[in-house]
Amino acid sequence: MSVWGKLFTALRGGANEAAEAVADSQAMRILDQ
């Protein structure tokens, strides 16, 4: 069970990082305009 918990946490963390990267790129694009 702990293995699945770690895997889920890792996936969730990766998703959060991806979302932040997308948000950052969107913000930069808006600022550039």
PDB file of N, CA and C in Angstrom:
ATOM      1  N   MET A   1       0.841  -1.196   0.000  1.00  0.00           N
ATOM      2  CA  MET A   1       0.000   0.000   0.000  1.00  0.00           C
ATOM      3  C   MET A   1       0.880   1.251   0.000  1.00  0.00           C
ATOM      4  N   SER A   2       1.947   1.233   0.781  1.00  0.00           N
ATOM      5  CA  SER A   2       2.815   2.411   0.840  1.00  0.00           C
ATOM      6  C   SER A   2       3.453   2.695  -0.522  1.00  0.00           C
ATOM      7  N   VAL A   3       3.703   1.629  -1.281  1.00  0.00           N
ATOM      8  CA  VAL A   3       4.294   1.819  -2.613  1.00  0.00           C
ATOM      9  C   VAL A   3       3.313   2.582  -3.498  1.00  0.00           C
ATOM     10  N   TRP A   4       2.034   2.210  -3.435  1.00  0.00           N
ATOM     11  CA  TRP A   4       1.029   2.912  -4.242  1.00  0.00           C
ATOM     12  C   TRP A   4       0.890   4.354  -3.776  1.00  0.00           C
ATOM     13  N   GLY A   5       0.988   4.548  -2.465  1.00  0.00           N
ATOM     14  CA  GLY A   5       0.888   5.909  -1.932  1.00  0.00           C
ATOM     15  C   GLY A   5       2.022   6.779  -2.439  1.00  0.00           C
ATOM     16  N   LYS A   6       3.234   6.220  -2.441  1.00  0.00           N
ATOM     17  CA  LYS A   6       4.386   6.974  -2.947  1.00  0.00           C
ATOM     18  C   LYS A   6       4.228   7.264  -4.433  1.00  0.00           C
ATOM     19  N   LEU A   7       3.754   6.270  -5.179  1.00  0.00           N
ATOM     20  CA  LEU A   7       3.573   6.446  -6.622  1.00  0.00           C
ATOM     21  C   LEU A   7       2.539   7.536  -6.888  1.00  0.00           C
ATOM     22  N   PHE A   8       1.424   7.483  -6.133  1.00  0.00           N
ATOM     23  CA  PHE A   8       0.374   8.481  -6.308  1.00  0.00           C
ATOM     24  C   PHE A   8       0.897   9.874  -5.978  1.00  0.00           C
ATOM     25  N   THR A   9       1.652   9.965  -4.889  1.00  0.00           N
ATOM     26  CA  THR A   9       2.218  11.257  -4.484  1.00  0.00           C
ATOM     27  C   THR A   9       3.170  11.788  -5.551  1.00  0.00           C
ATOM     28  N   ALA A  10       3.984  10.891  -6.113  1.00  0.00           N
ATOM     29  CA  ALA A  10       4.940  11.302  -7.144  1.00  0.00           C
ATOM     30  C   ALA A  10       4.196  11.800  -8.384  1.00  0.00           C
ATOM     31  N   LEU A  11       3.137  11.084  -8.772  1.00  0.00           N
ATOM     32  CA  LEU A  11       2.368  11.489  -9.954  1.00  0.00           C
ATOM     33  C   LEU A  11       1.690  12.834  -9.710  1.00  0.00           C
ATOM     34  N   ARG A  12       1.132  12.981  -8.501  1.00  0.00           N
ATOM     35  CA  ARG A  12       0.453  14.238  -8.179  1.00  0.00           C
ATOM     36  C   ARG A  12       1.447  15.390  -8.186  1.00  0.00           C
ATOM     37  N   GLY A  13       2.634  15.155  -7.638  1.00  0.00           N
ATOM     38  CA  GLY A  13       3.666  16.190  -7.629  1.00  0.00           C
ATOM     39  C   GLY A  13       4.074  16.554  -9.046  1.00  0.00           C
ATOM     40  N   GLY A  14       4.213  15.544  -9.908  1.00  0.00           N
ATOM     41  CA  GLY A  14       4.587  15.787 -11.299  1.00  0.00           C
ATOM     42  C   GLY A  14       3.512  16.593 -12.010  1.00  0.00           C
ATOM     43  N   ALA A  15       2.248  16.272 -11.725  1.00  0.00           N
ATOM     44  CA  ALA A  15       1.140  16.988 -12.354  1.00  0.00           C
ATOM     45  C   ALA A  15       1.146  18.444 -11.906  1.00  0.00           C
ATOM     46  N   ASN A  16       1.413  18.664 -10.619  1.00  0.00           N
ATOM     47  CA  ASN A  16       1.464  20.036 -10.100  1.00  0.00           C
ATOM     48  C   ASN A  16       2.594  20.814 -10.765  1.00  0.00           C
ATOM     49  N   GLU A  17       3.739  20.173 -10.933  1.00  0.00           N
ATOM     50  CA  GLU A  17       4.872  20.854 -11.580  1.00  0.00           C
ATOM     51  C   GLU A  17       4.522  21.205 -13.019  1.00  0.00           C
ATOM     52  N   ALA A  18       3.864  20.276 -13.728  1.00  0.00           N
ATOM     53  CA  ALA A  18       3.489  20.511 -15.122  1.00  0.00           C
ATOM     54  C   ALA A  18       2.494  21.668 -15.196  1.00  0.00           C
ATOM     55  N   ALA A  19       1.529  21.684 -14.280  1.00  0.00           N
ATOM     56  CA  ALA A  19       0.518  22.748 -14.276  1.00  0.00           C
ATOM     57  C   ALA A  19       1.177  24.100 -14.015  1.00  0.00           C
ATOM     58  N   GLU A  20       2.131  24.121 -13.085  1.00  0.00           N
ATOM     59  CA  GLU A  20       2.822  25.379 -12.784  1.00  0.00           C
ATOM     60  C   GLU A  20       3.640  25.843 -13.980  1.00  0.00           C
ATOM     61  N   ALA A  21       4.261  24.899 -14.683  1.00  0.00           N
ATOM     62  CA  ALA A  21       5.063  25.257 -15.851  1.00  0.00           C
ATOM     63  C   ALA A  21       4.166  25.862 -16.927  1.00  0.00           C
ATOM     64  N   VAL A  22       2.988  25.272 -17.116  1.00  0.00           N
ATOM     65  CA  VAL A  22       2.044  25.790 -18.114  1.00  0.00           C
ATOM     66  C   VAL A  22       1.582  27.188 -17.706  1.00  0.00           C
ATOM     67  N   ALA A  23       1.260  27.357 -16.419  1.00  0.00           N
ATOM     68  CA  ALA A  23       0.805  28.663 -15.936  1.00  0.00           C
ATOM     69  C   ALA A  23       1.901  29.706 -16.130  1.00  0.00           C
ATOM     70  N   ASP A  24       3.146  29.325 -15.837  1.00  0.00           N
ATOM     71  CA  ASP A  24       4.260  30.260 -16.002  1.00  0.00           C
ATOM     72  C   ASP A  24       4.420  30.662 -17.466  1.00  0.00           C
ATOM     73  N   SER A  25       4.315  29.689 -18.371  1.00  0.00           N
ATOM     74  CA  SER A  25       4.487  29.999 -19.792  1.00  0.00           C
ATOM     75  C   SER A  25       3.348  30.902 -20.268  1.00  0.00           C
ATOM     76  N   GLN A  26       2.143  30.667 -19.753  1.00  0.00           N
ATOM     77  CA  GLN A  26       1.003  31.509 -20.123  1.00  0.00           C
ATOM     78  C   GLN A  26       1.232  32.938 -19.628  1.00  0.00           C
ATOM     79  N   ALA A  27       1.706  33.069 -18.391  1.00  0.00           N
ATOM     80  CA  ALA A  27       1.954  34.396 -17.817  1.00  0.00           C
ATOM     81  C   ALA A  27       3.016  35.123 -18.631  1.00  0.00           C
ATOM     82  N   MET A  28       4.074  34.430 -19.011  1.00  0.00           N
ATOM     83  CA  MET A  28       5.139  35.049 -19.797  1.00  0.00           C
ATOM     84  C   MET A  28       4.604  35.506 -21.150  1.00  0.00           C
ATOM     85  N   ARG A  29       3.741  34.680 -21.751  1.00  0.00           N
ATOM     86  CA  ARG A  29       3.185  35.030 -23.059  1.00  0.00           C
ATOM     87  C   ARG A  29       2.327  36.288 -22.936  1.00  0.00           C
ATOM     88  N   ILE A  30       1.539  36.361 -21.857  1.00  0.00           N
ATOM     89  CA  ILE A  30       0.679  37.532 -21.658  1.00  0.00           C
ATOM     90  C   ILE A  30       1.537  38.781 -21.439  1.00  0.00           C
ATOM     91  N   LEU A  31       2.600  38.645 -20.650  1.00  0.00           N
ATOM     92  CA  LEU A  31       3.471  39.794 -20.380  1.00  0.00           C
ATOM     93  C   LEU A  31       4.185  40.250 -21.650  1.00  0.00           C
ATOM     94  N   ASP A  32       4.499  39.291 -22.527  1.00  0.00           N
ATOM     95  CA  ASP A  32       5.232  39.636 -23.753  1.00  0.00           C
ATOM     96  C   ASP A  32       4.359  40.419 -24.729  1.00  0.00           C
ATOM     97  N   GLN A  33       3.059  40.239 -24.657  1.00  0.00           N
ATOM     98  CA  GLN A  33       2.186  40.893 -25.631  1.00  0.00           C
ATOM     99  C   GLN A  33       2.107  42.398 -25.424  1.00  0.00           C
TER     100      GLN A  33
END
